[in-house]
Amino acid sequence: VQAGGSLRLSCVASGLPFSSYAMGWFRQAPGKEREFVAAISWNGGR
């Protein structure tokens, strides 16, 4: 995508409990360590 653009990432869980667990997004750029991006509580409240 070009700078200024948008993307929507999705993550589908299967084979494990999902709704009672917080979820997070992380990212790793070339040559860098994995870093935190965002997280959400199990019920979406936080």
PDB file of all heavy atoms in Angstrom:
ATOM      1  N   VAL A   1       0.851  -1.184   0.000  1.00  0.00           N
ATOM      2  CA  VAL A   1       0.000   0.000   0.000  1.00  0.00           C
ATOM      3  C   VAL A   1       0.890   1.240   0.000  1.00  0.00           C
ATOM      4  O   VAL A   1       2.013   1.199   0.521  1.00  0.00           O
ATOM      5  CB  VAL A   1      -0.943  -0.004   1.227  1.00  0.00           C
ATOM      6  CG1 VAL A   1      -0.159   0.058   2.529  1.00  0.00           C
ATOM      7  CG2 VAL A   1      -1.968   1.110   1.146  1.00  0.00           C
ATOM      8  N   GLN A   2       0.402   2.302  -0.574  1.00  0.00           N
ATOM      9  CA  GLN A   2       1.157   3.551  -0.574  1.00  0.00           C
ATOM     10  C   GLN A   2       1.031   4.253   0.775  1.00  0.00           C
ATOM     11  O   GLN A   2       0.044   4.060   1.511  1.00  0.00           O
ATOM     12  CB  GLN A   2       0.641   4.473  -1.678  1.00  0.00           C
ATOM     13  CG  GLN A   2       1.016   4.022  -3.073  1.00  0.00           C
ATOM     14  CD  GLN A   2       0.672   5.066  -4.134  1.00  0.00           C
ATOM     15  OE1 GLN A   2      -0.250   5.859  -3.963  1.00  0.00           O
ATOM     16  NE2 GLN A   2       1.424   5.068  -5.224  1.00  0.00           N
ATOM     17  N   ALA A   3       2.022   5.054   1.076  1.00  0.00           N
ATOM     18  CA  ALA A   3       1.972   5.836   2.309  1.00  0.00           C
ATOM     19  C   ALA A   3       0.685   6.655   2.343  1.00  0.00           C
ATOM     20  O   ALA A   3       0.275   7.225   1.331  1.00  0.00           O
ATOM     21  CB  ALA A   3       3.192   6.747   2.392  1.00  0.00           C
ATOM     22  N   GLY A   4       0.067   6.677   3.506  1.00  0.00           N
ATOM     23  CA  GLY A   4      -1.204   7.352   3.671  1.00  0.00           C
ATOM     24  C   GLY A   4      -2.410   6.452   3.480  1.00  0.00           C
ATOM     25  O   GLY A   4      -3.532   6.856   3.786  1.00  0.00           O
ATOM     26  N   GLY A   5      -2.169   5.265   2.977  1.00  0.00           N
ATOM     27  CA  GLY A   5      -3.247   4.324   2.738  1.00  0.00           C
ATOM     28  C   GLY A   5      -3.660   3.569   3.985  1.00  0.00           C
ATOM     29  O   GLY A   5      -3.164   3.812   5.087  1.00  0.00           O
ATOM     30  N   SER A   6      -4.583   2.636   3.777  1.00  0.00           N
ATOM     31  CA  SER A   6      -5.147   1.864   4.890  1.00  0.00           C
ATOM     32  C   SER A   6      -5.148   0.376   4.568  1.00  0.00           C
ATOM     33  O   SER A   6      -5.208  -0.018   3.400  1.00  0.00           O
ATOM     34  CB  SER A   6      -6.588   2.309   5.166  1.00  0.00           C
ATOM     35  OG  SER A   6      -6.651   3.662   5.551  1.00  0.00           O
ATOM     36  N   LEU A   7      -5.105  -0.411   5.612  1.00  0.00           N
ATOM     37  CA  LEU A   7      -5.266  -1.857   5.508  1.00  0.00           C
ATOM     38  C   LEU A   7      -6.030  -2.343   6.727  1.00  0.00           C
ATOM     39  O   LEU A   7      -5.931  -1.753   7.809  1.00  0.00           O
ATOM     40  CB  LEU A   7      -3.905  -2.565   5.463  1.00  0.00           C
ATOM     41  CG  LEU A   7      -3.101  -2.534   4.175  1.00  0.00           C
ATOM     42  CD1 LEU A   7      -1.739  -3.169   4.388  1.00  0.00           C
ATOM     43  CD2 LEU A   7      -3.833  -3.232   3.036  1.00  0.00           C
ATOM     44  N   ARG A   8      -6.749  -3.423   6.543  1.00  0.00           N
ATOM     45  CA  ARG A   8      -7.422  -4.070   7.664  1.00  0.00           C
ATOM     46  C   ARG A   8      -6.936  -5.508   7.742  1.00  0.00           C
ATOM     47  O   ARG A   8      -7.187  -6.301   6.834  1.00  0.00           O
ATOM     48  CB  ARG A   8      -8.934  -4.058   7.475  1.00  0.00           C
ATOM     49  CG  ARG A   8      -9.708  -4.530   8.714  1.00  0.00           C
ATOM     50  CD  ARG A   8     -11.139  -4.832   8.377  1.00  0.00           C
ATOM     51  NE  ARG A   8     -11.970  -4.944   9.557  1.00  0.00           N
ATOM     52  CZ  ARG A   8     -13.157  -5.571   9.568  1.00  0.00           C
ATOM     53  NH1 ARG A   8     -13.614  -6.128   8.462  1.00  0.00           N
ATOM     54  NH2 ARG A   8     -13.873  -5.621  10.686  1.00  0.00           N
ATOM     55  N   LEU A   9      -6.235  -5.812   8.801  1.00  0.00           N
ATOM     56  CA  LEU A   9      -5.749  -7.159   9.028  1.00  0.00           C
ATOM     57  C   LEU A   9      -6.787  -7.955   9.815  1.00  0.00           C
ATOM     58  O   LEU A   9      -7.479  -7.413  10.674  1.00  0.00           O
ATOM     59  CB  LEU A   9      -4.433  -7.138   9.801  1.00  0.00           C
ATOM     60  CG  LEU A   9      -3.315  -6.268   9.225  1.00  0.00           C
ATOM     61  CD1 LEU A   9      -2.051  -6.449  10.058  1.00  0.00           C
ATOM     62  CD2 LEU A   9      -3.055  -6.573   7.775  1.00  0.00           C
ATOM     63  N   SER A  10      -6.849  -9.237   9.501  1.00  0.00           N
ATOM     64  CA  SER A  10      -7.741 -10.138  10.227  1.00  0.00           C
ATOM     65  C   SER A  10      -6.934 -11.317  10.743  1.00  0.00           C
ATOM     66  O   SER A  10      -5.932 -11.711  10.144  1.00  0.00           O
ATOM     67  CB  SER A  10      -8.851 -10.651   9.317  1.00  0.00           C
ATOM     68  OG  SER A  10      -9.646  -9.598   8.818  1.00  0.00           O
ATOM     69  N   CYS A  11      -7.400 -11.881  11.825  1.00  0.00           N
ATOM     70  CA  CYS A  11      -6.768 -13.077  12.389  1.00  0.00           C
ATOM     71  C   CYS A  11      -7.887 -13.985  12.869  1.00  0.00           C
ATOM     72  O   CYS A  11      -8.653 -13.612  13.765  1.00  0.00           O
ATOM     73  CB  CYS A  11      -5.843 -12.694  13.526  1.00  0.00           C
ATOM     74  SG  CYS A  11      -5.226 -14.097  14.498  1.00  0.00           S
ATOM     75  N   VAL A  12      -7.966 -15.162  12.264  1.00  0.00           N
ATOM     76  CA  VAL A  12      -9.000 -16.127  12.620  1.00  0.00           C
ATOM     77  C   VAL A  12      -8.380 -17.249  13.441  1.00  0.00           C
ATOM     78  O   VAL A  12      -7.368 -17.833  13.044  1.00  0.00           O
ATOM     79  CB  VAL A  12      -9.664 -16.705  11.368  1.00  0.00           C
ATOM     80  CG1 VAL A  12     -10.733 -17.714  11.755  1.00  0.00           C
ATOM     81  CG2 VAL A  12     -10.272 -15.583  10.526  1.00  0.00           C
ATOM     82  N   ALA A  13      -9.001 -17.532  14.571  1.00  0.00           N
ATOM     83  CA  ALA A  13      -8.521 -18.588  15.452  1.00  0.00           C
ATOM     84  C   ALA A  13      -9.351 -19.852  15.276  1.00  0.00           C
ATOM     85  O   ALA A  13     -10.571 -19.796  15.133  1.00  0.00           O
ATOM     86  CB  ALA A  13      -8.595 -18.138  16.906  1.00  0.00           C
ATOM     87  N   SER A  14      -8.676 -20.990  15.295  1.00  0.00           N
ATOM     88  CA  SER A  14      -9.368 -22.267  15.244  1.00  0.00           C
ATOM     89  C   SER A  14      -8.599 -23.275  16.088  1.00  0.00           C
ATOM     90  O   SER A  14      -7.385 -23.182  16.233  1.00  0.00           O
ATOM     91  CB  SER A  14      -9.517 -22.760  13.805  1.00  0.00           C
ATOM     92  OG  SER A  14      -8.246 -22.937  13.212  1.00  0.00           O
ATOM     93  N   GLY A  15      -9.333 -24.231  16.649  1.00  0.00           N
ATOM     94  CA  GLY A  15      -8.692 -25.282  17.422  1.00  0.00           C
ATOM     95  C   GLY A  15      -8.234 -24.863  18.807  1.00  0.00           C
ATOM     96  O   GLY A  15      -7.522 -25.627  19.476  1.00  0.00           O
ATOM     97  N   LEU A  16      -8.602 -23.681  19.241  1.00  0.00           N
ATOM     98  CA  LEU A  16      -8.231 -23.235  20.578  1.00  0.00           C
ATOM     99  C   LEU A  16      -9.286 -22.261  21.084  1.00  0.00           C
ATOM    100  O   LEU A  16      -9.945 -21.590  20.285  1.00  0.00           O
ATOM    101  CB  LEU A  16      -6.851 -22.565  20.585  1.00  0.00           C
ATOM    102  CG  LEU A  16      -6.699 -21.140  20.036  1.00  0.00           C
ATOM    103  CD1 LEU A  16      -5.325 -20.601  20.413  1.00  0.00           C
ATOM    104  CD2 LEU A  16      -6.890 -21.076  18.557  1.00  0.00           C
ATOM    105  N   PRO A  17      -9.432 -22.185  22.399  1.00  0.00           N
ATOM    106  CA  PRO A  17     -10.401 -21.227  22.945  1.00  0.00           C
ATOM    107  C   PRO A  17     -10.013 -19.803  22.571  1.00  0.00           C
ATOM    108  O   PRO A  17      -8.835 -19.454  22.543  1.00  0.00           O
ATOM    109  CB  PRO A  17     -10.292 -21.450  24.459  1.00  0.00           C
ATOM    110  CG  PRO A  17      -9.769 -22.824  24.601  1.00  0.00           C
ATOM    111  CD  PRO A  17      -8.831 -23.019  23.443  1.00  0.00           C
ATOM    112  N   PHE A  18     -11.022 -19.008  22.267  1.00  0.00           N
ATOM    113  CA  PHE A  18     -10.737 -17.647  21.792  1.00  0.00           C
ATOM    114  C   PHE A  18     -11.451 -16.598  22.621  1.00  0.00           C
ATOM    115  O   PHE A  18     -10.841 -15.632  23.059  1.00  0.00           O
ATOM    116  CB  PHE A  18     -11.173 -17.545  20.318  1.00  0.00           C
ATOM    117  CG  PHE A  18     -11.026 -16.162  19.738  1.00  0.00           C
ATOM    118  CD1 PHE A  18      -9.815 -15.750  19.225  1.00  0.00           C
ATOM    119  CD2 PHE A  18     -12.113 -15.288  19.690  1.00  0.00           C
ATOM    120  CE1 PHE A  18      -9.659 -14.478  18.680  1.00  0.00           C
ATOM    121  CE2 PHE A  18     -11.982 -14.019  19.144  1.00  0.00           C
ATOM    122  CZ  PHE A  18     -10.746 -13.608  18.642  1.00  0.00           C
ATOM    123  N   SER A  19     -12.740 -16.755  22.820  1.00  0.00           N
ATOM    124  CA  SER A  19     -13.552 -15.665  23.349  1.00  0.00           C
ATOM    125  C   SER A  19     -13.198 -15.270  24.781  1.00  0.00           C
ATOM    126  O   SER A  19     -13.555 -14.176  25.212  1.00  0.00           O
ATOM    127  CB  SER A  19     -15.038 -16.023  23.260  1.00  0.00           C
ATOM    128  OG  SER A  19     -15.319 -17.177  24.032  1.00  0.00           O
ATOM    129  N   SER A  20     -12.503 -16.119  25.522  1.00  0.00           N
ATOM    130  CA  SER A  20     -12.156 -15.803  26.910  1.00  0.00           C
ATOM    131  C   SER A  20     -10.722 -15.306  27.065  1.00  0.00           C
ATOM    132  O   SER A  20     -10.220 -15.191  28.196  1.00  0.00           O
ATOM    133  CB  SER A  20     -12.341 -17.043  27.796  1.00  0.00           C
ATOM    134  OG  SER A  20     -13.679 -17.478  27.795  1.00  0.00           O
ATOM    135  N   TYR A  21     -10.083 -15.006  25.946  1.00  0.00           N
ATOM    136  CA  TYR A  21      -8.669 -14.635  25.987  1.00  0.00           C
ATOM    137  C   TYR A  21      -8.416 -13.315  25.286  1.00  0.00           C
ATOM    138  O   TYR A  21      -8.974 -13.054  24.209  1.00  0.00           O
ATOM    139  CB  TYR A  21      -7.816 -15.705  25.324  1.00  0.00           C
ATOM    140  CG  TYR A  21      -7.762 -17.002  26.099  1.00  0.00           C
ATOM    141  CD1 TYR A  21      -8.792 -17.922  26.000  1.00  0.00           C
ATOM    142  CD2 TYR A  21      -6.692 -17.286  26.939  1.00  0.00           C
ATOM    143  CE1 TYR A  21      -8.752 -19.108  26.727  1.00  0.00           C
ATOM    144  CE2 TYR A  21      -6.643 -18.466  27.658  1.00  0.00           C
ATOM    145  CZ  TYR A  21      -7.681 -19.371  27.553  1.00  0.00           C
ATOM    146  OH  TYR A  21      -7.632 -20.529  28.272  1.00  0.00           O
ATOM    147  N   ALA A  22      -7.551 -12.506  25.915  1.00  0.00           N
ATOM    148  CA  ALA A  22      -7.093 -11.292  25.242  1.00  0.00           C
ATOM    149  C   ALA A  22      -6.282 -11.676  24.008  1.00  0.00           C
ATOM    150  O   ALA A  22      -5.715 -12.764  23.937  1.00  0.00           O
ATOM    151  CB  ALA A  22      -6.240 -10.457  26.196  1.00  0.00           C
ATOM    152  N   MET A  23      -6.254 -10.777  23.049  1.00  0.00           N
ATOM    153  CA  MET A  23      -5.522 -10.992  21.811  1.00  0.00           C
ATOM    154  C   MET A  23      -4.623  -9.794  21.527  1.00  0.00           C
ATOM    155  O   MET A  23      -4.946  -8.661  21.893  1.00  0.00           O
ATOM    156  CB  MET A  23      -6.484 -11.191  20.648  1.00  0.00           C
ATOM    157  CG  MET A  23      -7.351 -12.424  20.742  1.00  0.00           C
ATOM    158  SD  MET A  23      -6.417 -13.960  20.615  1.00  0.00           S
ATOM    159  CE  MET A  23      -5.788 -13.851  18.930  1.00  0.00           C
ATOM    160  N   GLY A  24      -3.531 -10.057  20.856  1.00  0.00           N
ATOM    161  CA  GLY A  24      -2.606  -8.984  20.543  1.00  0.00           C
ATOM    162  C   GLY A  24      -2.107  -9.050  19.115  1.00  0.00           C
ATOM    163  O   GLY A  24      -2.187 -10.098  18.468  1.00  0.00           O
ATOM    164  N   TRP A  25      -1.641  -7.913  18.643  1.00  0.00           N
ATOM    165  CA  TRP A  25      -0.959  -7.814  17.363  1.00  0.00           C
ATOM    166  C   TRP A  25       0.470  -7.323  17.634  1.00  0.00           C
ATOM    167  O   TRP A  25       0.678  -6.375  18.396  1.00  0.00           O
ATOM    168  CB  TRP A  25      -1.659  -6.827  16.434  1.00  0.00           C
ATOM    169  CG  TRP A  25      -2.915  -7.328  15.809  1.00  0.00           C
ATOM    170  CD1 TRP A  25      -4.193  -7.120  16.242  1.00  0.00           C
ATOM    171  CD2 TRP A  25      -3.026  -8.126  14.614  1.00  0.00           C
ATOM    172  NE1 TRP A  25      -5.093  -7.736  15.401  1.00  0.00           N
ATOM    173  CE2 TRP A  25      -4.411  -8.358  14.395  1.00  0.00           C
ATOM    174  CE3 TRP A  25      -2.108  -8.660  13.712  1.00  0.00           C
ATOM    175  CZ2 TRP A  25      -4.886  -9.105  13.311  1.00  0.00           C
ATOM    176  CZ3 TRP A  25      -2.582  -9.398  12.641  1.00  0.00           C
ATOM    177  CH2 TRP A  25      -3.949  -9.619  12.448  1.00  0.00           C
ATOM    178  N   PHE A  26       1.402  -7.980  16.974  1.00  0.00           N
ATOM    179  CA  PHE A  26       2.803  -7.598  17.045  1.00  0.00           C
ATOM    180  C   PHE A  26       3.333  -7.486  15.622  1.00  0.00           C
ATOM    181  O   PHE A  26       2.693  -7.946  14.671  1.00  0.00           O
ATOM    182  CB  PHE A  26       3.608  -8.652  17.812  1.00  0.00           C
ATOM    183  CG  PHE A  26       3.263  -8.723  19.288  1.00  0.00           C
ATOM    184  CD1 PHE A  26       2.106  -9.356  19.707  1.00  0.00           C
ATOM    185  CD2 PHE A  26       4.082  -8.163  20.235  1.00  0.00           C
ATOM    186  CE1 PHE A  26       1.771  -9.422  21.055  1.00  0.00           C
ATOM    187  CE2 PHE A  26       3.771  -8.218  21.582  1.00  0.00           C
ATOM    188  CZ  PHE A  26       2.598  -8.846  21.987  1.00  0.00           C
ATOM    189  N   ARG A  27       4.496  -6.889  15.465  1.00  0.00           N
ATOM    190  CA  ARG A  27       5.098  -6.798  14.143  1.00  0.00           C
ATOM    191  C   ARG A  27       6.605  -6.915  14.248  1.00  0.00           C
ATOM    192  O   ARG A  27       7.188  -6.620  15.294  1.00  0.00           O
ATOM    193  CB  ARG A  27       4.710  -5.495  13.451  1.00  0.00           C
ATOM    194  CG  ARG A  27       5.288  -4.237  14.088  1.00  0.00           C
ATOM    195  CD  ARG A  27       4.720  -2.999  13.408  1.00  0.00           C
ATOM    196  NE  ARG A  27       5.287  -1.767  13.966  1.00  0.00           N
ATOM    197  CZ  ARG A  27       4.879  -0.547  13.629  1.00  0.00           C
ATOM    198  NH1 ARG A  27       3.889  -0.394  12.731  1.00  0.00           N
ATOM    199  NH2 ARG A  27       5.437   0.504  14.178  1.00  0.00           N
ATOM    200  N   GLN A  28       7.190  -7.350  13.151  1.00  0.00           N
ATOM    201  CA  GLN A  28       8.640  -7.476  13.088  1.00  0.00           C
ATOM    202  C   GLN A  28       9.131  -7.004  11.733  1.00  0.00           C
ATOM    203  O   GLN A  28       8.752  -7.568  10.702  1.00  0.00           O
ATOM    204  CB  GLN A  28       9.095  -8.908  13.343  1.00  0.00           C
ATOM    205  CG  GLN A  28      10.594  -9.055  13.474  1.00  0.00           C
ATOM    206  CD  GLN A  28      10.994 -10.394  14.035  1.00  0.00           C
ATOM    207  OE1 GLN A  28      10.232 -11.354  14.021  1.00  0.00           O
ATOM    208  NE2 GLN A  28      12.218 -10.472  14.558  1.00  0.00           N
ATOM    209  N   ALA A  29       9.937  -5.970  11.761  1.00  0.00           N
ATOM    210  CA  ALA A  29      10.541  -5.441  10.543  1.00  0.00           C
ATOM    211  C   ALA A  29      11.891  -6.124  10.323  1.00  0.00           C
ATOM    212  O   ALA A  29      12.498  -6.624  11.276  1.00  0.00           O
ATOM    213  CB  ALA A  29      10.716  -3.936  10.666  1.00  0.00           C
ATOM    214  N   PRO A  30      12.379  -6.131   9.097  1.00  0.00           N
ATOM    215  CA  PRO A  30      13.667  -6.768   8.809  1.00  0.00           C
ATOM    216  C   PRO A  30      14.780  -6.185   9.669  1.00  0.00           C
ATOM    217  O   PRO A  30      14.928  -4.975   9.780  1.00  0.00           O
ATOM    218  CB  PRO A  30      13.890  -6.442   7.328  1.00  0.00           C
ATOM    219  CG  PRO A  30      12.522  -6.260   6.775  1.00  0.00           C
ATOM    220  CD  PRO A  30      11.724  -5.620   7.877  1.00  0.00           C
ATOM    221  N   GLY A  31      15.525  -7.068  10.319  1.00  0.00           N
ATOM    222  CA  GLY A  31      16.641  -6.641  11.136  1.00  0.00           C
ATOM    223  C   GLY A  31      16.270  -6.078  12.487  1.00  0.00           C
ATOM    224  O   GLY A  31      17.141  -5.590  13.211  1.00  0.00           O
ATOM    225  N   LYS A  32      14.994  -6.127  12.819  1.00  0.00           N
ATOM    226  CA  LYS A  32      14.541  -5.578  14.099  1.00  0.00           C
ATOM    227  C   LYS A  32      13.840  -6.654  14.918  1.00  0.00           C
ATOM    228  O   LYS A  32      13.404  -7.676  14.395  1.00  0.00           O
ATOM    229  CB  LYS A  32      13.592  -4.399  13.870  1.00  0.00           C
ATOM    230  CG  LYS A  32      14.255  -3.202  13.207  1.00  0.00           C
ATOM    231  CD  LYS A  32      13.315  -2.021  13.171  1.00  0.00           C
ATOM    232  CE  LYS A  32      14.005  -0.795  12.575  1.00  0.00           C
ATOM    233  NZ  LYS A  32      13.093   0.385  12.555  1.00  0.00           N
ATOM    234  N   GLU A  33      13.721  -6.393  16.198  1.00  0.00           N
ATOM    235  CA  GLU A  33      13.025  -7.328  17.072  1.00  0.00           C
ATOM    236  C   GLU A  33      11.512  -7.156  16.925  1.00  0.00           C
ATOM    237  O   GLU A  33      11.029  -6.103  16.510  1.00  0.00           O
ATOM    238  CB  GLU A  33      13.442  -7.092  18.528  1.00  0.00           C
ATOM    239  CG  GLU A  33      14.889  -7.423  18.807  1.00  0.00           C
ATOM    240  CD  GLU A  33      15.209  -7.452  20.286  1.00  0.00           C
ATOM    241  OE1 GLU A  33      14.330  -7.096  21.092  1.00  0.00           O
ATOM    242  OE2 GLU A  33      16.342  -7.830  20.625  1.00  0.00           O
ATOM    243  N   ARG A  34      10.812  -8.202  17.287  1.00  0.00           N
ATOM    244  CA  ARG A  34       9.354  -8.138  17.268  1.00  0.00           C
ATOM    245  C   ARG A  34       8.890  -7.108  18.285  1.00  0.00           C
ATOM    246  O   ARG A  34       9.406  -7.044  19.407  1.00  0.00           O
ATOM    247  CB  ARG A  34       8.779  -9.511  17.596  1.00  0.00           C
ATOM    248  CG  ARG A  34       7.287  -9.626  17.416  1.00  0.00           C
ATOM    249  CD  ARG A  34       6.824 -11.061  17.588  1.00  0.00           C
ATOM    250  NE  ARG A  34       7.402 -11.943  16.579  1.00  0.00           N
ATOM    251  CZ  ARG A  34       7.060 -13.220  16.442  1.00  0.00           C
ATOM    252  NH1 ARG A  34       6.159 -13.752  17.265  1.00  0.00           N
ATOM    253  NH2 ARG A  34       7.621 -13.961  15.519  1.00  0.00           N
ATOM    254  N   GLU A  35       7.906  -6.305  17.901  1.00  0.00           N
ATOM    255  CA  GLU A  35       7.412  -5.266  18.796  1.00  0.00           C
ATOM    256  C   GLU A  35       5.895  -5.291  18.884  1.00  0.00           C
ATOM    257  O   GLU A  35       5.194  -5.700  17.960  1.00  0.00           O
ATOM    258  CB  GLU A  35       7.877  -3.881  18.336  1.00  0.00           C
ATOM    259  CG  GLU A  35       7.336  -3.440  17.000  1.00  0.00           C
ATOM    260  CD  GLU A  35       7.734  -2.011  16.641  1.00  0.00           C
ATOM    261  OE1 GLU A  35       8.476  -1.376  17.408  1.00  0.00           O
ATOM    262  OE2 GLU A  35       7.287  -1.517  15.590  1.00  0.00           O
ATOM    263  N   PHE A  36       5.428  -4.826  19.997  1.00  0.00           N
ATOM    264  CA  PHE A  36       3.993  -4.743  20.264  1.00  0.00           C
ATOM    265  C   PHE A  36       3.346  -3.674  19.395  1.00  0.00           C
ATOM    266  O   PHE A  36       3.909  -2.600  19.187  1.00  0.00           O
ATOM    267  CB  PHE A  36       3.788  -4.424  21.741  1.00  0.00           C
ATOM    268  CG  PHE A  36       2.381  -4.072  22.125  1.00  0.00           C
ATOM    269  CD1 PHE A  36       1.410  -5.058  22.201  1.00  0.00           C
ATOM    270  CD2 PHE A  36       2.031  -2.764  22.409  1.00  0.00           C
ATOM    271  CE1 PHE A  36       0.110  -4.745  22.558  1.00  0.00           C
ATOM    272  CE2 PHE A  36       0.736  -2.439  22.768  1.00  0.00           C
ATOM    273  CZ  PHE A  36      -0.230  -3.428  22.846  1.00  0.00           C
ATOM    274  N   VAL A  37       2.146  -3.974  18.921  1.00  0.00           N
ATOM    275  CA  VAL A  37       1.371  -3.008  18.145  1.00  0.00           C
ATOM    276  C   VAL A  37       0.084  -2.638  18.882  1.00  0.00           C
ATOM    277  O   VAL A  37      -0.182  -1.467  19.161  1.00  0.00           O
ATOM    278  CB  VAL A  37       1.020  -3.548  16.748  1.00  0.00           C
ATOM    279  CG1 VAL A  37       0.155  -2.536  15.989  1.00  0.00           C
ATOM    280  CG2 VAL A  37       2.281  -3.879  15.963  1.00  0.00           C
ATOM    281  N   ALA A  38      -0.726  -3.643  19.200  1.00  0.00           N
ATOM    282  CA  ALA A  38      -2.011  -3.378  19.843  1.00  0.00           C
ATOM    283  C   ALA A  38      -2.505  -4.654  20.509  1.00  0.00           C
ATOM    284  O   ALA A  38      -2.094  -5.755  20.149  1.00  0.00           O
ATOM    285  CB  ALA A  38      -3.030  -2.889  18.824  1.00  0.00           C
ATOM    286  N   ALA A  39      -3.404  -4.483  21.482  1.00  0.00           N
ATOM    287  CA  ALA A  39      -3.998  -5.635  22.143  1.00  0.00           C
ATOM    288  C   ALA A  39      -5.390  -5.280  22.615  1.00  0.00           C
ATOM    289  O   ALA A  39      -5.728  -4.092  22.792  1.00  0.00           O
ATOM    290  CB  ALA A  39      -3.134  -6.092  23.315  1.00  0.00           C
ATOM    291  N   ILE A  40      -6.190  -6.312  22.813  1.00  0.00           N
ATOM    292  CA  ILE A  40      -7.575  -6.116  23.217  1.00  0.00           C
ATOM    293  C   ILE A  40      -7.944  -7.180  24.241  1.00  0.00           C
ATOM    294  O   ILE A  40      -7.536  -8.337  24.127  1.00  0.00           O
ATOM    295  CB  ILE A  40      -8.511  -6.172  21.986  1.00  0.00           C
ATOM    296  CG1 ILE A  40      -9.946  -5.799  22.348  1.00  0.00           C
ATOM    297  CG2 ILE A  40      -8.436  -7.525  21.287  1.00  0.00           C
ATOM    298  CD1 ILE A  40     -10.820  -5.545  21.116  1.00  0.00           C
ATOM    299  N   SER A  41      -8.697  -6.790  25.259  1.00  0.00           N
ATOM    300  CA  SER A  41      -9.106  -7.733  26.290  1.00  0.00           C
ATOM    301  C   SER A  41     -10.094  -8.746  25.727  1.00  0.00           C
ATOM    302  O   SER A  41     -10.615  -8.597  24.621  1.00  0.00           O
ATOM    303  CB  SER A  41      -9.733  -6.975  27.459  1.00  0.00           C
ATOM    304  OG  SER A  41     -10.904  -6.280  27.026  1.00  0.00           O
ATOM    305  N   TRP A  42     -10.383  -9.768  26.510  1.00  0.00           N
ATOM    306  CA  TRP A  42     -11.189 -10.870  26.006  1.00  0.00           C
ATOM    307  C   TRP A  42     -12.596 -10.429  25.602  1.00  0.00           C
ATOM    308  O   TRP A  42     -13.183 -10.995  24.679  1.00  0.00           O
ATOM    309  CB  TRP A  42     -11.268 -11.980  27.055  1.00  0.00           C
ATOM    310  CG  TRP A  42     -11.966 -11.587  28.331  1.00  0.00           C
ATOM    311  CD1 TRP A  42     -11.398 -11.015  29.430  1.00  0.00           C
ATOM    312  CD2 TRP A  42     -13.353 -11.744  28.640  1.00  0.00           C
ATOM    313  NE1 TRP A  42     -12.345 -10.803  30.395  1.00  0.00           N
ATOM    314  CE2 TRP A  42     -13.551 -11.242  29.945  1.00  0.00           C
ATOM    315  CE3 TRP A  42     -14.442 -12.263  27.942  1.00  0.00           C
ATOM    316  CZ2 TRP A  42     -14.802 -11.244  30.557  1.00  0.00           C
ATOM    317  CZ3 TRP A  42     -15.689 -12.268  28.558  1.00  0.00           C
ATOM    318  CH2 TRP A  42     -15.853 -11.757  29.855  1.00  0.00           C
ATOM    319  N   ASN A  43     -13.117  -9.412  26.282  1.00  0.00           N
ATOM    320  CA  ASN A  43     -14.474  -8.966  25.965  1.00  0.00           C
ATOM    321  C   ASN A  43     -14.485  -7.666  25.149  1.00  0.00           C
ATOM    322  O   ASN A  43     -15.545  -7.084  24.935  1.00  0.00           O
ATOM    323  CB  ASN A  43     -15.286  -8.776  27.236  1.00  0.00           C
ATOM    324  CG  ASN A  43     -14.684  -7.722  28.148  1.00  0.00           C
ATOM    325  OD1 ASN A  43     -13.632  -7.157  27.866  1.00  0.00           O
ATOM    326  ND2 ASN A  43     -15.368  -7.441  29.250  1.00  0.00           N
ATOM    327  N   GLY A  44     -13.308  -7.221  24.744  1.00  0.00           N
ATOM    328  CA  GLY A  44     -13.220  -6.008  23.946  1.00  0.00           C
ATOM    329  C   GLY A  44     -13.324  -4.731  24.739  1.00  0.00           C
ATOM    330  O   GLY A  44     -13.304  -3.641  24.162  1.00  0.00           O
ATOM    331  N   GLY A  45     -13.428  -4.839  26.048  1.00  0.00           N
ATOM    332  CA  GLY A  45     -13.632  -3.663  26.871  1.00  0.00           C
ATOM    333  C   GLY A  45     -12.409  -2.797  27.059  1.00  0.00           C
ATOM    334  O   GLY A  45     -12.505  -1.611  27.375  1.00  0.00           O
ATOM    335  N   ARG A  46     -11.243  -3.381  26.873  1.00  0.00           N
ATOM    336  CA  ARG A  46     -10.000  -2.632  27.037  1.00  0.00           C
ATOM    337  C   ARG A  46      -9.104  -2.853  25.832  1.00  0.00           C
ATOM    338  O   ARG A  46      -9.026  -3.957  25.307  1.00  0.00           O
ATOM    339  CB  ARG A  46      -9.261  -3.074  28.300  1.00  0.00           C
ATOM    340  CG  ARG A  46      -9.996  -2.772  29.595  1.00  0.00           C
ATOM    341  CD  ARG A  46      -9.139  -3.130  30.786  1.00  0.00           C
ATOM    342  NE  ARG A  46      -9.840  -2.932  32.053  1.00  0.00           N
ATOM    343  CZ  ARG A  46      -9.300  -3.138  33.240  1.00  0.00           C
ATOM    344  NH1 ARG A  46      -8.041  -3.529  33.337  1.00  0.00           N
ATOM    345  NH2 ARG A  46     -10.000  -2.942  34.336  1.00  0.00           N
TER     346      ARG A  46
END
